[in-house]
N, C-alpha and C. Protein backbone atom coordinates (compact mmCIF):
# COMPACT_ATOMS: atom_id res chain seq x y z
N ARG A 1 155.08 -13.01 112.23
CA ARG A 1 154.91 -11.73 112.89
C ARG A 1 154.41 -10.67 111.93
N SER A 2 155.13 -10.50 110.83
CA SER A 2 154.75 -9.43 109.90
C SER A 2 153.44 -9.75 109.20
N ARG A 3 153.15 -11.01 108.99
CA ARG A 3 151.89 -11.37 108.33
C ARG A 3 150.69 -10.93 109.16
N GLY A 4 150.74 -11.16 110.46
CA GLY A 4 149.66 -10.70 111.33
C GLY A 4 149.58 -9.19 111.36
N ARG A 5 150.72 -8.55 111.45
CA ARG A 5 150.77 -7.07 111.50
C ARG A 5 150.17 -6.47 110.23
N GLU A 6 150.47 -7.08 109.07
CA GLU A 6 149.93 -6.59 107.80
C GLU A 6 148.40 -6.66 107.76
N ARG A 7 147.85 -7.58 108.53
CA ARG A 7 146.40 -7.77 108.55
C ARG A 7 145.76 -7.19 109.81
N PHE A 8 146.52 -6.37 110.53
CA PHE A 8 146.06 -5.72 111.76
C PHE A 8 145.59 -6.74 112.81
N VAL A 9 146.34 -7.84 112.88
CA VAL A 9 146.05 -8.89 113.84
C VAL A 9 147.19 -8.94 114.85
N ASP A 10 146.81 -8.95 116.11
CA ASP A 10 147.78 -9.05 117.20
C ASP A 10 147.86 -10.52 117.61
N VAL A 11 148.96 -11.17 117.29
CA VAL A 11 149.14 -12.57 117.62
C VAL A 11 149.59 -12.66 119.08
N VAL A 12 148.78 -13.32 119.89
CA VAL A 12 149.06 -13.45 121.32
C VAL A 12 149.34 -14.91 121.62
N PHE A 13 150.51 -15.18 122.16
CA PHE A 13 150.87 -16.54 122.54
C PHE A 13 150.19 -16.90 123.85
N GLU A 14 149.83 -18.17 123.95
CA GLU A 14 149.31 -18.69 125.21
C GLU A 14 150.25 -19.79 125.68
N LEU A 15 150.81 -19.60 126.83
CA LEU A 15 151.64 -20.61 127.49
C LEU A 15 150.84 -21.03 128.72
N ASP A 16 150.05 -22.06 128.58
CA ASP A 16 149.11 -22.44 129.62
C ASP A 16 149.86 -23.04 130.80
N THR A 17 150.04 -22.25 131.81
CA THR A 17 150.74 -22.67 133.03
C THR A 17 149.95 -22.17 134.23
N PRO A 18 150.12 -22.65 135.37
CA PRO A 18 150.97 -23.77 135.78
C PRO A 18 150.34 -25.14 135.57
N ALA A 19 149.05 -25.17 135.17
CA ALA A 19 148.41 -26.46 134.88
C ALA A 19 148.63 -26.82 133.41
N HIS A 20 148.12 -27.95 133.01
CA HIS A 20 148.27 -28.43 131.63
C HIS A 20 149.74 -28.52 131.23
N THR A 21 150.55 -28.95 132.14
CA THR A 21 151.99 -28.97 131.91
C THR A 21 152.59 -30.37 132.06
N MET A 22 151.76 -31.39 132.03
CA MET A 22 152.27 -32.74 132.22
C MET A 22 153.28 -33.12 131.15
N ALA A 23 153.10 -32.65 129.93
CA ALA A 23 154.07 -32.95 128.87
C ALA A 23 155.44 -32.38 129.22
N MET A 24 155.45 -31.15 129.75
CA MET A 24 156.73 -30.57 130.18
C MET A 24 157.30 -31.37 131.34
N GLY A 25 156.43 -31.82 132.22
CA GLY A 25 156.87 -32.59 133.38
C GLY A 25 157.50 -33.91 133.03
N LYS A 26 157.10 -34.48 131.89
CA LYS A 26 157.70 -35.75 131.48
C LYS A 26 159.16 -35.57 131.10
N SER A 27 159.49 -34.43 130.52
CA SER A 27 160.89 -34.19 130.16
C SER A 27 161.65 -33.43 131.24
N HIS A 28 160.93 -32.76 132.12
CA HIS A 28 161.55 -31.99 133.21
C HIS A 28 160.81 -32.27 134.52
N PRO A 29 160.93 -33.48 135.06
CA PRO A 29 160.17 -33.83 136.26
C PRO A 29 160.50 -32.95 137.47
N GLU A 30 161.67 -32.33 137.45
CA GLU A 30 162.07 -31.48 138.57
C GLU A 30 161.24 -30.20 138.69
N ILE A 31 160.44 -29.88 137.69
CA ILE A 31 159.64 -28.65 137.74
C ILE A 31 158.24 -28.89 138.28
N MET A 32 157.87 -30.16 138.47
CA MET A 32 156.49 -30.48 138.82
C MET A 32 156.29 -30.61 140.32
N THR A 33 155.05 -30.37 140.73
CA THR A 33 154.65 -30.54 142.12
C THR A 33 154.60 -32.02 142.45
N ASP A 34 155.08 -32.37 143.63
CA ASP A 34 155.07 -33.76 144.08
C ASP A 34 153.70 -34.06 144.70
N CYS A 35 152.74 -34.39 143.86
CA CYS A 35 151.40 -34.67 144.39
C CYS A 35 150.85 -35.99 143.86
N TRP A 36 151.74 -36.92 143.58
CA TRP A 36 151.31 -38.21 143.04
C TRP A 36 150.39 -38.94 143.99
N GLU A 37 150.69 -38.91 145.27
CA GLU A 37 149.85 -39.61 146.25
C GLU A 37 148.45 -39.01 146.27
N TRP A 38 148.38 -37.69 146.24
CA TRP A 38 147.06 -37.03 146.21
C TRP A 38 146.30 -37.45 144.95
N MET A 39 146.99 -37.47 143.81
CA MET A 39 146.32 -37.84 142.56
C MET A 39 145.80 -39.28 142.63
N ALA A 40 146.58 -40.16 143.24
CA ALA A 40 146.20 -41.57 143.31
C ALA A 40 145.02 -41.81 144.26
N ASN A 41 144.92 -41.01 145.30
CA ASN A 41 143.93 -41.27 146.35
C ASN A 41 142.75 -40.32 146.40
N SER A 42 142.79 -39.24 145.67
CA SER A 42 141.78 -38.20 145.84
C SER A 42 140.47 -38.47 145.11
N GLY A 43 140.53 -39.24 144.05
CA GLY A 43 139.34 -39.41 143.23
C GLY A 43 139.00 -38.15 142.46
N TYR A 44 139.97 -37.25 142.31
CA TYR A 44 139.75 -35.96 141.67
C TYR A 44 139.60 -36.06 140.17
N LYS A 45 139.93 -37.19 139.60
CA LYS A 45 139.93 -37.34 138.15
C LYS A 45 138.50 -37.45 137.64
N VAL A 46 137.87 -36.30 137.47
CA VAL A 46 136.47 -36.30 137.10
C VAL A 46 136.17 -35.48 135.85
N ASP A 47 137.17 -34.90 135.22
CA ASP A 47 136.88 -34.05 134.07
C ASP A 47 137.81 -34.38 132.91
N VAL A 48 137.68 -33.61 131.86
CA VAL A 48 138.46 -33.83 130.66
C VAL A 48 139.96 -33.69 130.92
N ASP A 49 140.32 -32.96 131.96
CA ASP A 49 141.73 -32.75 132.30
C ASP A 49 142.23 -33.78 133.31
N SER A 50 141.54 -34.89 133.45
CA SER A 50 141.84 -35.81 134.53
C SER A 50 143.26 -36.36 134.49
N ASP A 51 143.84 -36.46 133.31
CA ASP A 51 145.21 -36.97 133.25
C ASP A 51 146.24 -35.86 133.41
N ASP A 52 145.79 -34.66 133.63
CA ASP A 52 146.69 -33.52 133.73
C ASP A 52 146.42 -32.75 135.03
N CYS A 53 146.31 -33.49 136.12
CA CYS A 53 146.02 -32.87 137.42
C CYS A 53 147.25 -32.23 138.05
N GLN A 54 148.43 -32.63 137.63
CA GLN A 54 149.64 -32.05 138.19
C GLN A 54 149.82 -30.63 137.70
N ALA A 55 150.62 -29.88 138.44
CA ALA A 55 150.92 -28.51 138.04
C ALA A 55 152.38 -28.22 138.31
N ILE A 56 152.90 -27.22 137.63
CA ILE A 56 154.27 -26.78 137.89
C ILE A 56 154.38 -26.36 139.34
N ASN A 57 155.50 -26.69 139.94
CA ASN A 57 155.76 -26.31 141.33
C ASN A 57 156.20 -24.85 141.36
N PRO A 58 155.39 -23.97 141.93
CA PRO A 58 155.70 -22.54 141.88
C PRO A 58 156.92 -22.13 142.71
N ILE A 59 157.43 -23.02 143.55
CA ILE A 59 158.60 -22.64 144.36
C ILE A 59 159.88 -23.32 143.88
N ALA A 60 159.78 -24.14 142.84
CA ALA A 60 160.96 -24.84 142.32
C ALA A 60 161.79 -23.90 141.43
N PRO A 61 163.06 -23.69 141.78
CA PRO A 61 163.92 -22.82 140.95
C PRO A 61 163.97 -23.27 139.49
N ALA A 62 164.01 -24.57 139.24
CA ALA A 62 164.07 -25.06 137.86
C ALA A 62 162.80 -24.68 137.11
N ALA A 63 161.66 -24.68 137.79
CA ALA A 63 160.39 -24.30 137.15
C ALA A 63 160.41 -22.82 136.80
N ARG A 64 160.90 -22.01 137.71
CA ARG A 64 160.98 -20.56 137.44
C ARG A 64 161.88 -20.29 136.23
N THR A 65 163.00 -20.98 136.18
CA THR A 65 163.93 -20.80 135.06
C THR A 65 163.29 -21.22 133.74
N LEU A 66 162.65 -22.39 133.74
CA LEU A 66 162.03 -22.88 132.51
C LEU A 66 160.93 -21.94 132.03
N VAL A 67 160.05 -21.52 132.93
CA VAL A 67 158.96 -20.63 132.53
C VAL A 67 159.50 -19.27 132.07
N THR A 68 160.51 -18.75 132.75
CA THR A 68 161.13 -17.49 132.33
C THR A 68 161.70 -17.62 130.93
N ASN A 69 162.39 -18.73 130.66
CA ASN A 69 162.95 -18.95 129.33
C ASN A 69 161.87 -19.07 128.26
N LEU A 70 160.78 -19.76 128.58
CA LEU A 70 159.67 -19.88 127.62
C LEU A 70 159.05 -18.52 127.31
N ILE A 71 158.82 -17.73 128.34
CA ILE A 71 158.22 -16.41 128.14
C ILE A 71 159.15 -15.53 127.31
N THR A 72 160.42 -15.56 127.63
CA THR A 72 161.41 -14.76 126.90
C THR A 72 161.45 -15.17 125.43
N GLU A 73 161.47 -16.47 125.18
CA GLU A 73 161.52 -16.95 123.80
C GLU A 73 160.25 -16.59 123.05
N ALA A 74 159.09 -16.77 123.68
CA ALA A 74 157.82 -16.44 123.03
C ALA A 74 157.73 -14.94 122.74
N ALA A 75 158.22 -14.12 123.65
CA ALA A 75 158.17 -12.67 123.46
C ALA A 75 158.98 -12.24 122.23
N LYS A 76 160.05 -12.95 121.94
CA LYS A 76 160.88 -12.63 120.78
C LYS A 76 160.19 -12.98 119.47
N LEU A 77 159.17 -13.83 119.52
CA LEU A 77 158.51 -14.31 118.31
C LEU A 77 157.29 -13.50 117.91
N THR A 78 156.95 -12.49 118.69
CA THR A 78 155.77 -11.70 118.39
C THR A 78 156.02 -10.23 118.67
N ASN A 79 155.27 -9.41 118.01
CA ASN A 79 155.35 -7.97 118.27
C ASN A 79 154.30 -7.54 119.28
N SER A 80 153.49 -8.47 119.73
CA SER A 80 152.42 -8.14 120.67
C SER A 80 153.02 -7.73 122.00
N LYS A 81 152.34 -6.84 122.68
CA LYS A 81 152.77 -6.49 124.04
C LYS A 81 152.06 -7.35 125.07
N TYR A 82 151.31 -8.37 124.59
CA TYR A 82 150.55 -9.26 125.47
C TYR A 82 151.03 -10.69 125.33
N ILE A 83 150.86 -11.44 126.40
CA ILE A 83 151.08 -12.88 126.40
C ILE A 83 150.11 -13.47 127.42
N HIS A 84 149.54 -14.60 127.10
CA HIS A 84 148.57 -15.23 127.99
C HIS A 84 149.27 -16.39 128.70
N LEU A 85 149.27 -16.35 130.03
CA LEU A 85 149.98 -17.36 130.80
C LEU A 85 149.06 -18.38 131.46
N GLY A 86 147.80 -18.34 131.16
CA GLY A 86 146.89 -19.31 131.78
C GLY A 86 146.60 -18.91 133.21
N GLY A 87 146.91 -19.78 134.13
CA GLY A 87 146.68 -19.49 135.54
C GLY A 87 145.39 -20.08 136.07
N ASP A 88 144.56 -20.58 135.18
CA ASP A 88 143.32 -21.19 135.64
C ASP A 88 143.47 -22.71 135.62
N GLU A 89 142.50 -23.36 136.13
CA GLU A 89 142.40 -24.81 136.09
C GLU A 89 143.47 -25.54 136.89
N VAL A 90 144.15 -24.87 137.78
CA VAL A 90 145.07 -25.56 138.66
C VAL A 90 144.25 -26.32 139.69
N LYS A 91 144.60 -27.56 139.90
CA LYS A 91 143.96 -28.34 140.95
C LYS A 91 144.69 -27.99 142.25
N TYR A 92 144.18 -27.00 142.98
CA TYR A 92 144.87 -26.50 144.16
C TYR A 92 145.16 -27.57 145.21
N PRO A 93 144.32 -28.59 145.36
CA PRO A 93 144.68 -29.64 146.32
C PRO A 93 146.01 -30.31 145.99
N CYS A 94 146.41 -30.31 144.72
CA CYS A 94 147.73 -30.84 144.36
C CYS A 94 148.80 -30.03 145.05
N TRP A 95 148.73 -28.70 144.94
CA TRP A 95 149.71 -27.85 145.62
C TRP A 95 149.61 -28.01 147.13
N ASP A 96 148.38 -28.10 147.64
CA ASP A 96 148.19 -28.25 149.09
C ASP A 96 148.79 -29.54 149.63
N SER A 97 148.89 -30.56 148.77
CA SER A 97 149.41 -31.84 149.23
C SER A 97 150.93 -31.91 149.23
N ASP A 98 151.59 -30.92 148.66
CA ASP A 98 153.06 -30.92 148.59
C ASP A 98 153.62 -30.26 149.86
N PRO A 99 154.35 -31.02 150.68
CA PRO A 99 154.85 -30.47 151.95
C PRO A 99 155.75 -29.22 151.77
N ALA A 100 156.56 -29.19 150.72
CA ALA A 100 157.45 -28.05 150.51
C ALA A 100 156.65 -26.78 150.20
N ILE A 101 155.63 -26.92 149.38
CA ILE A 101 154.80 -25.76 149.05
C ILE A 101 154.02 -25.31 150.28
N LYS A 102 153.51 -26.26 151.03
CA LYS A 102 152.76 -25.95 152.25
C LYS A 102 153.64 -25.18 153.24
N ALA A 103 154.88 -25.61 153.39
CA ALA A 103 155.81 -24.93 154.30
C ALA A 103 156.13 -23.53 153.79
N HIS A 104 156.30 -23.38 152.50
CA HIS A 104 156.60 -22.07 151.89
C HIS A 104 155.45 -21.10 152.14
N VAL A 105 154.24 -21.56 151.96
CA VAL A 105 153.07 -20.71 152.17
C VAL A 105 152.94 -20.32 153.64
N ALA A 106 153.27 -21.25 154.52
CA ALA A 106 153.16 -20.99 155.96
C ALA A 106 154.17 -19.95 156.43
N ASP A 107 155.31 -19.83 155.72
CA ASP A 107 156.35 -18.87 156.14
C ASP A 107 155.89 -17.50 155.92
């Protein structure tokens, strides 16, 4: 923190969510969207991110808790008033294929 500040550098953490989270999903499967069937049948695996088509489930309480804890912890490690949370590259059909998310959106 102080090293960046001494050099007039604002260190900004990037927590790339809700996509690019398959590693987190391996240790916390309860936070991920249930879109395995879509992944298996869609033929969507066409880019460099093909093995990371899943995304955090935005309506899962465990996912909200985990992301909140990560943001809180990252904020304590920097003096920056900014943090980058990603938000791009989500394969929206994954979310669309999850019945719980679909029902939540419909409400």
